[in-house]
Amino acid sequence: MLLQETKDYVNDVLLPDYMDGYNDANDIAVDIVDDIDSFGDGNELSRPTRLARNIAANRKEFTDYVVKAFQDVEADK
């Protein structure tokens, strides 16, 4: 289950920063998940945040949420 923190991140940070006319919703979600995967489980110098752990644990739900939020923004334009 996605945390409210994750949903807020999508709506307040992710979409405004990544909706540049070149990315589609699925690409945005995949890029974020790929970035999280590149850090792995972390070590003493880099540990995933609660937000990153929530996204990684709920990849499908995260992607679905990003797609829906993207569509909602597009519909409001």
PDB file of N, CA and C in Angstrom:
ATOM      1  N   MET A   1       0.837  -1.169   0.000  1.00  0.00           N
ATOM      2  CA  MET A   1       0.000   0.000   0.000  1.00  0.00           C
ATOM      3  C   MET A   1       0.894   1.248   0.000  1.00  0.00           C
ATOM      4  N   LEU A   2       0.562   2.179  -0.869  1.00  0.00           N
ATOM      5  CA  LEU A   2       1.327   3.411  -0.928  1.00  0.00           C
ATOM      6  C   LEU A   2       1.020   4.303   0.262  1.00  0.00           C
ATOM      7  N   LEU A   3       2.057   4.841   0.835  1.00  0.00           N
ATOM      8  CA  LEU A   3       1.902   5.792   1.928  1.00  0.00           C
ATOM      9  C   LEU A   3       1.406   7.128   1.377  1.00  0.00           C
ATOM     10  N   GLN A   4       0.752   7.907   2.210  1.00  0.00           N
ATOM     11  CA  GLN A   4       0.322   9.244   1.792  1.00  0.00           C
ATOM     12  C   GLN A   4       1.529  10.087   1.381  1.00  0.00           C
ATOM     13  N   GLU A   5       2.650   9.868   2.046  1.00  0.00           N
ATOM     14  CA  GLU A   5       3.900  10.561   1.715  1.00  0.00           C
ATOM     15  C   GLU A   5       4.290  10.301   0.254  1.00  0.00           C
ATOM     16  N   THR A   6       4.100   9.074  -0.203  1.00  0.00           N
ATOM     17  CA  THR A   6       4.430   8.719  -1.578  1.00  0.00           C
ATOM     18  C   THR A   6       3.466   9.392  -2.549  1.00  0.00           C
ATOM     19  N   LYS A   7       2.194   9.381  -2.232  1.00  0.00           N
ATOM     20  CA  LYS A   7       1.198  10.029  -3.092  1.00  0.00           C
ATOM     21  C   LYS A   7       1.453  11.532  -3.171  1.00  0.00           C
ATOM     22  N   ASP A   8       1.785  12.143  -2.036  1.00  0.00           N
ATOM     23  CA  ASP A   8       2.104  13.568  -2.031  1.00  0.00           C
ATOM     24  C   ASP A   8       3.335  13.856  -2.888  1.00  0.00           C
ATOM     25  N   TYR A   9       4.331  12.988  -2.803  1.00  0.00           N
ATOM     26  CA  TYR A   9       5.543  13.141  -3.611  1.00  0.00           C
ATOM     27  C   TYR A   9       5.204  13.107  -5.105  1.00  0.00           C
ATOM     28  N   VAL A  10       4.353  12.184  -5.504  1.00  0.00           N
ATOM     29  CA  VAL A  10       3.959  12.089  -6.910  1.00  0.00           C
ATOM     30  C   VAL A  10       3.276  13.382  -7.353  1.00  0.00           C
ATOM     31  N   ASN A  11       2.316  13.832  -6.571  1.00  0.00           N
ATOM     32  CA  ASN A  11       1.521  14.996  -6.959  1.00  0.00           C
ATOM     33  C   ASN A  11       2.257  16.327  -6.827  1.00  0.00           C
ATOM     34  N   ASP A  12       3.093  16.456  -5.807  1.00  0.00           N
ATOM     35  CA  ASP A  12       3.716  17.744  -5.509  1.00  0.00           C
ATOM     36  C   ASP A  12       5.112  17.916  -6.091  1.00  0.00           C
ATOM     37  N   VAL A  13       5.808  16.818  -6.330  1.00  0.00           N
ATOM     38  CA  VAL A  13       7.199  16.901  -6.784  1.00  0.00           C
ATOM     39  C   VAL A  13       7.399  16.198  -8.128  1.00  0.00           C
ATOM     40  N   LEU A  14       7.062  14.939  -8.170  1.00  0.00           N
ATOM     41  CA  LEU A  14       7.380  14.125  -9.338  1.00  0.00           C
ATOM     42  C   LEU A  14       6.728  14.627 -10.617  1.00  0.00           C
ATOM     43  N   LEU A  15       5.415  14.766 -10.618  1.00  0.00           N
ATOM     44  CA  LEU A  15       4.752  15.195 -11.846  1.00  0.00           C
ATOM     45  C   LEU A  15       5.133  16.618 -12.251  1.00  0.00           C
ATOM     46  N   PRO A  16       5.142  17.579 -11.342  1.00  0.00           N
ATOM     47  CA  PRO A  16       5.558  18.917 -11.782  1.00  0.00           C
ATOM     48  C   PRO A  16       6.979  18.953 -12.356  1.00  0.00           C
ATOM     49  N   ASP A  17       7.880  18.143 -11.804  1.00  0.00           N
ATOM     50  CA  ASP A  17       9.264  18.144 -12.271  1.00  0.00           C
ATOM     51  C   ASP A  17       9.473  17.348 -13.557  1.00  0.00           C
ATOM     52  N   TYR A  18       8.677  16.320 -13.783  1.00  0.00           N
ATOM     53  CA  TYR A  18       8.918  15.417 -14.904  1.00  0.00           C
ATOM     54  C   TYR A  18       7.940  15.568 -16.064  1.00  0.00           C
ATOM     55  N   MET A  19       6.826  16.253 -15.873  1.00  0.00           N
ATOM     56  CA  MET A  19       5.860  16.423 -16.964  1.00  0.00           C
ATOM     57  C   MET A  19       6.326  17.569 -17.856  1.00  0.00           C
ATOM     58  N   ASP A  20       7.235  17.246 -18.759  1.00  0.00           N
ATOM     59  CA  ASP A  20       7.822  18.275 -19.600  1.00  0.00           C
ATOM     60  C   ASP A  20       7.403  18.161 -21.058  1.00  0.00           C
ATOM     61  N   GLY A  21       6.409  17.335 -21.328  1.00  0.00           N
ATOM     62  CA  GLY A  21       5.958  17.167 -22.700  1.00  0.00           C
ATOM     63  C   GLY A  21       6.683  16.065 -23.448  1.00  0.00           C
ATOM     64  N   TYR A  22       7.757  15.551 -22.861  1.00  0.00           N
ATOM     65  CA  TYR A  22       8.526  14.496 -23.515  1.00  0.00           C
ATOM     66  C   TYR A  22       8.341  13.146 -22.843  1.00  0.00           C
ATOM     67  N   ASN A  23       7.984  13.163 -21.582  1.00  0.00           N
ATOM     68  CA  ASN A  23       7.818  11.921 -20.827  1.00  0.00           C
ATOM     69  C   ASN A  23       6.353  11.539 -20.757  1.00  0.00           C
ATOM     70  N   ASP A  24       6.097  10.237 -20.802  1.00  0.00           N
ATOM     71  CA  ASP A  24       4.742   9.793 -20.499  1.00  0.00           C
ATOM     72  C   ASP A  24       4.757   9.221 -19.083  1.00  0.00           C
ATOM     73  N   ALA A  25       3.592   8.966 -18.560  1.00  0.00           N
ATOM     74  CA  ALA A  25       3.473   8.566 -17.157  1.00  0.00           C
ATOM     75  C   ALA A  25       4.245   7.293 -16.850  1.00  0.00           C
ATOM     76  N   ASN A  26       4.149   6.310 -17.714  1.00  0.00           N
ATOM     77  CA  ASN A  26       4.839   5.047 -17.456  1.00  0.00           C
ATOM     78  C   ASN A  26       6.351   5.255 -17.440  1.00  0.00           C
ATOM     79  N   ASP A  27       6.868   6.080 -18.354  1.00  0.00           N
ATOM     80  CA  ASP A  27       8.308   6.355 -18.379  1.00  0.00           C
ATOM     81  C   ASP A  27       8.767   7.026 -17.083  1.00  0.00           C
ATOM     82  N   ILE A  28       7.954   7.930 -16.571  1.00  0.00           N
ATOM     83  CA  ILE A  28       8.287   8.609 -15.324  1.00  0.00           C
ATOM     84  C   ILE A  28       8.397   7.592 -14.188  1.00  0.00           C
ATOM     85  N   ALA A  29       7.414   6.718 -14.065  1.00  0.00           N
ATOM     86  CA  ALA A  29       7.425   5.711 -13.003  1.00  0.00           C
ATOM     87  C   ALA A  29       8.606   4.761 -13.151  1.00  0.00           C
ATOM     88  N   VAL A  30       8.858   4.308 -14.369  1.00  0.00           N
ATOM     89  CA  VAL A  30       9.976   3.379 -14.612  1.00  0.00           C
ATOM     90  C   VAL A  30      11.304   4.040 -14.266  1.00  0.00           C
ATOM     91  N   ASP A  31      11.479   5.309 -14.632  1.00  0.00           N
ATOM     92  CA  ASP A  31      12.725   6.016 -14.309  1.00  0.00           C
ATOM     93  C   ASP A  31      12.963   6.075 -12.806  1.00  0.00           C
ATOM     94  N   ILE A  32      11.911   6.351 -12.046  1.00  0.00           N
ATOM     95  CA  ILE A  32      12.056   6.440 -10.597  1.00  0.00           C
ATOM     96  C   ILE A  32      12.401   5.078 -10.003  1.00  0.00           C
ATOM     97  N   VAL A  33      11.697   4.034 -10.431  1.00  0.00           N
ATOM     98  CA  VAL A  33      11.977   2.686  -9.928  1.00  0.00           C
ATOM     99  C   VAL A  33      13.390   2.260 -10.314  1.00  0.00           C
ATOM    100  N   ASP A  34      13.819   2.580 -11.540  1.00  0.00           N
ATOM    101  CA  ASP A  34      15.191   2.256 -11.960  1.00  0.00           C
ATOM    102  C   ASP A  34      16.229   2.979 -11.096  1.00  0.00           C
ATOM    103  N   ASP A  35      15.953   4.242 -10.777  1.00  0.00           N
ATOM    104  CA  ASP A  35      16.875   4.982  -9.908  1.00  0.00           C
ATOM    105  C   ASP A  35      16.977   4.316  -8.535  1.00  0.00           C
ATOM    106  N   ILE A  36      15.854   3.896  -8.001  1.00  0.00           N
ATOM    107  CA  ILE A  36      15.857   3.220  -6.697  1.00  0.00           C
ATOM    108  C   ILE A  36      16.623   1.906  -6.794  1.00  0.00           C
ATOM    109  N   ASP A  37      16.392   1.146  -7.871  1.00  0.00           N
ATOM    110  CA  ASP A  37      17.092  -0.123  -8.046  1.00  0.00           C
ATOM    111  C   ASP A  37      18.602   0.071  -8.159  1.00  0.00           C
ATOM    112  N   SER A  38      19.035   1.172  -8.765  1.00  0.00           N
ATOM    113  CA  SER A  38      20.471   1.380  -8.946  1.00  0.00           C
ATOM    114  C   SER A  38      21.189   1.579  -7.613  1.00  0.00           C
ATOM    115  N   PHE A  39      20.460   2.012  -6.582  1.00  0.00           N
ATOM    116  CA  PHE A  39      21.054   2.174  -5.265  1.00  0.00           C
ATOM    117  C   PHE A  39      21.020   0.888  -4.456  1.00  0.00           C
ATOM    118  N   GLY A  40      20.201  -0.061  -4.879  1.00  0.00           N
ATOM    119  CA  GLY A  40      20.120  -1.332  -4.161  1.00  0.00           C
ATOM    120  C   GLY A  40      19.626  -1.146  -2.741  1.00  0.00           C
ATOM    121  N   ASP A  41      20.111  -1.989  -1.867  1.00  0.00           N
ATOM    122  CA  ASP A  41      19.693  -1.943  -0.465  1.00  0.00           C
ATOM    123  C   ASP A  41      20.414  -0.861   0.322  1.00  0.00           C
ATOM    124  N   GLY A  42      21.398  -0.260  -0.272  1.00  0.00           N
ATOM    125  CA  GLY A  42      22.135   0.793   0.419  1.00  0.00           C
ATOM    126  C   GLY A  42      23.263   0.234   1.261  1.00  0.00           C
ATOM    127  N   ASN A  43      24.077   1.121   1.727  1.00  0.00           N
ATOM    128  CA  ASN A  43      25.160   0.759   2.628  1.00  0.00           C
ATOM    129  C   ASN A  43      25.289   1.886   3.638  1.00  0.00           C
ATOM    130  N   GLU A  44      26.405   1.958   4.307  1.00  0.00           N
ATOM    131  CA  GLU A  44      26.561   2.991   5.328  1.00  0.00           C
ATOM    132  C   GLU A  44      26.456   4.394   4.743  1.00  0.00           C
ATOM    133  N   LEU A  45      26.816   4.572   3.478  1.00  0.00           N
ATOM    134  CA  LEU A  45      26.814   5.899   2.871  1.00  0.00           C
ATOM    135  C   LEU A  45      25.528   6.242   2.144  1.00  0.00           C
ATOM    136  N   SER A  46      24.809   5.240   1.724  1.00  0.00           N
ATOM    137  CA  SER A  46      23.537   5.549   1.041  1.00  0.00           C
ATOM    138  C   SER A  46      22.493   4.525   1.437  1.00  0.00           C
ATOM    139  N   ARG A  47      21.526   4.995   2.154  1.00  0.00           N
ATOM    140  CA  ARG A  47      20.410   4.140   2.573  1.00  0.00           C
ATOM    141  C   ARG A  47      19.135   4.698   1.965  1.00  0.00           C
ATOM    142  N   PRO A  48      18.283   3.811   1.443  1.00  0.00           N
ATOM    143  CA  PRO A  48      17.023   4.291   0.863  1.00  0.00           C
ATOM    144  C   PRO A  48      16.138   4.945   1.930  1.00  0.00           C
ATOM    145  N   THR A  49      15.465   5.990   1.546  1.00  0.00           N
ATOM    146  CA  THR A  49      14.533   6.660   2.451  1.00  0.00           C
ATOM    147  C   THR A  49      13.273   5.816   2.589  1.00  0.00           C
ATOM    148  N   ARG A  50      12.442   6.199   3.517  1.00  0.00           N
ATOM    149  CA  ARG A  50      11.148   5.522   3.684  1.00  0.00           C
ATOM    150  C   ARG A  50      10.334   5.625   2.388  1.00  0.00           C
ATOM    151  N   LEU A  51      10.411   6.774   1.744  1.00  0.00           N
ATOM    152  CA  LEU A  51       9.714   6.989   0.485  1.00  0.00           C
ATOM    153  C   LEU A  51      10.212   6.005  -0.578  1.00  0.00           C
ATOM    154  N   ALA A  52      11.509   5.880  -0.732  1.00  0.00           N
ATOM    155  CA  ALA A  52      12.078   4.960  -1.719  1.00  0.00           C
ATOM    156  C   ALA A  52      11.716   3.511  -1.403  1.00  0.00           C
ATOM    157  N   ARG A  53      11.762   3.148  -0.133  1.00  0.00           N
ATOM    158  CA  ARG A  53      11.394   1.776   0.249  1.00  0.00           C
ATOM    159  C   ARG A  53       9.927   1.504  -0.061  1.00  0.00           C
ATOM    160  N   ASN A  54       9.067   2.497   0.162  1.00  0.00           N
ATOM    161  CA  ASN A  54       7.643   2.326  -0.121  1.00  0.00           C
ATOM    162  C   ASN A  54       7.399   2.155  -1.616  1.00  0.00           C
ATOM    163  N   ILE A  55       8.085   2.947  -2.433  1.00  0.00           N
ATOM    164  CA  ILE A  55       7.948   2.819  -3.887  1.00  0.00           C
ATOM    165  C   ILE A  55       8.447   1.454  -4.339  1.00  0.00           C
ATOM    166  N   ALA A  56       9.609   1.044  -3.865  1.00  0.00           N
ATOM    167  CA  ALA A  56      10.188  -0.238  -4.263  1.00  0.00           C
ATOM    168  C   ALA A  56       9.306  -1.411  -3.860  1.00  0.00           C
ATOM    169  N   ALA A  57       8.671  -1.319  -2.718  1.00  0.00           N
ATOM    170  CA  ALA A  57       7.824  -2.412  -2.230  1.00  0.00           C
ATOM    171  C   ALA A  57       6.469  -2.462  -2.930  1.00  0.00           C
ATOM    172  N   ASN A  58       6.103  -1.380  -3.579  1.00  0.00           N
ATOM    173  CA  ASN A  58       4.773  -1.287  -4.214  1.00  0.00           C
ATOM    174  C   ASN A  58       4.903  -0.785  -5.645  1.00  0.00           C
ATOM    175  N   ARG A  59       5.784  -1.383  -6.415  1.00  0.00           N
ATOM    176  CA  ARG A  59       6.099  -0.912  -7.768  1.00  0.00           C
ATOM    177  C   ARG A  59       4.880  -0.803  -8.669  1.00  0.00           C
ATOM    178  N   LYS A  60       4.067  -1.830  -8.697  1.00  0.00           N
ATOM    179  CA  LYS A  60       2.895  -1.836  -9.585  1.00  0.00           C
ATOM    180  C   LYS A  60       1.904  -0.758  -9.157  1.00  0.00           C
ATOM    181  N   GLU A  61       1.629  -0.703  -7.866  1.00  0.00           N
ATOM    182  CA  GLU A  61       0.694   0.304  -7.365  1.00  0.00           C
ATOM    183  C   GLU A  61       1.252   1.715  -7.605  1.00  0.00           C
ATOM    184  N   PHE A  62       2.559   1.892  -7.428  1.00  0.00           N
ATOM    185  CA  PHE A  62       3.195   3.180  -7.689  1.00  0.00           C
ATOM    186  C   PHE A  62       3.034   3.575  -9.152  1.00  0.00           C
ATOM    187  N   THR A  63       3.334   2.651 -10.057  1.00  0.00           N
ATOM    188  CA  THR A  63       3.204   2.929 -11.478  1.00  0.00           C
ATOM    189  C   THR A  63       1.763   3.268 -11.832  1.00  0.00           C
ATOM    190  N   ASP A  64       0.821   2.485 -11.327  1.00  0.00           N
ATOM    191  CA  ASP A  64      -0.602   2.756 -11.587  1.00  0.00           C
ATOM    192  C   ASP A  64      -1.001   4.132 -11.055  1.00  0.00           C
ATOM    193  N   TYR A  65      -0.495   4.486  -9.886  1.00  0.00           N
ATOM    194  CA  TYR A  65      -0.832   5.774  -9.282  1.00  0.00           C
ATOM    195  C   TYR A  65      -0.262   6.924 -10.113  1.00  0.00           C
ATOM    196  N   VAL A  66       0.983   6.786 -10.562  1.00  0.00           N
ATOM    197  CA  VAL A  66       1.595   7.828 -11.393  1.00  0.00           C
ATOM    198  C   VAL A  66       0.814   8.002 -12.691  1.00  0.00           C
ATOM    199  N   VAL A  67       0.450   6.895 -13.322  1.00  0.00           N
ATOM    200  CA  VAL A  67      -0.322   6.959 -14.577  1.00  0.00           C
ATOM    201  C   VAL A  67      -1.647   7.678 -14.343  1.00  0.00           C
ATOM    202  N   LYS A  68      -2.357   7.320 -13.278  1.00  0.00           N
ATOM    203  CA  LYS A  68      -3.649   7.945 -12.982  1.00  0.00           C
ATOM    204  C   LYS A  68      -3.484   9.431 -12.671  1.00  0.00           C
ATOM    205  N   ALA A  69      -2.500   9.766 -11.842  1.00  0.00           N
ATOM    206  CA  ALA A  69      -2.277  11.169 -11.497  1.00  0.00           C
ATOM    207  C   ALA A  69      -1.887  11.971 -12.736  1.00  0.00           C
ATOM    208  N   PHE A  70      -1.080  11.385 -13.609  1.00  0.00           N
ATOM    209  CA  PHE A  70      -0.680  12.039 -14.862  1.00  0.00           C
ATOM    210  C   PHE A  70      -1.910  12.314 -15.715  1.00  0.00           C
ATOM    211  N   GLN A  71      -2.780  11.319 -15.835  1.00  0.00           N
ATOM    212  CA  GLN A  71      -3.998  11.482 -16.626  1.00  0.00           C
ATOM    213  C   GLN A  71      -4.905  12.568 -16.033  1.00  0.00           C
ATOM    214  N   ASP A  72      -4.982  12.618 -14.706  1.00  0.00           N
ATOM    215  CA  ASP A  72      -5.799  13.636 -14.051  1.00  0.00           C
ATOM    216  C   ASP A  72      -5.263  15.037 -14.357  1.00  0.00           C
ATOM    217  N   VAL A  73      -3.950  15.199 -14.322  1.00  0.00           N
ATOM    218  CA  VAL A  73      -3.352  16.507 -14.625  1.00  0.00           C
ATOM    219  C   VAL A  73      -3.627  16.882 -16.075  1.00  0.00           C
ATOM    220  N   GLU A  74      -3.455  15.920 -16.967  1.00  0.00           N
ATOM    221  CA  GLU A  74      -3.696  16.172 -18.395  1.00  0.00           C
ATOM    222  C   GLU A  74      -5.152  16.549 -18.656  1.00  0.00           C
ATOM    223  N   ALA A  75      -6.070  15.911 -17.954  1.00  0.00           N
ATOM    224  CA  ALA A  75      -7.491  16.182 -18.144  1.00  0.00           C
ATOM    225  C   ALA A  75      -7.868  17.580 -17.646  1.00  0.00           C
ATOM    226  N   ASP A  76      -7.135  18.072 -16.651  1.00  0.00           N
ATOM    227  CA  ASP A  76      -7.423  19.387 -16.100  1.00  0.00           C
ATOM    228  C   ASP A  76      -6.869  20.527 -16.946  1.00  0.00           C
ATOM    229  N   LYS A  77      -6.035  20.220 -17.917  1.00  0.00           N
ATOM    230  CA  LYS A  77      -5.444  21.279 -18.748  1.00  0.00           C
ATOM    231  C   LYS A  77      -6.446  21.856 -19.718  1.00  0.00           C
TER     232      LYS A  77
END
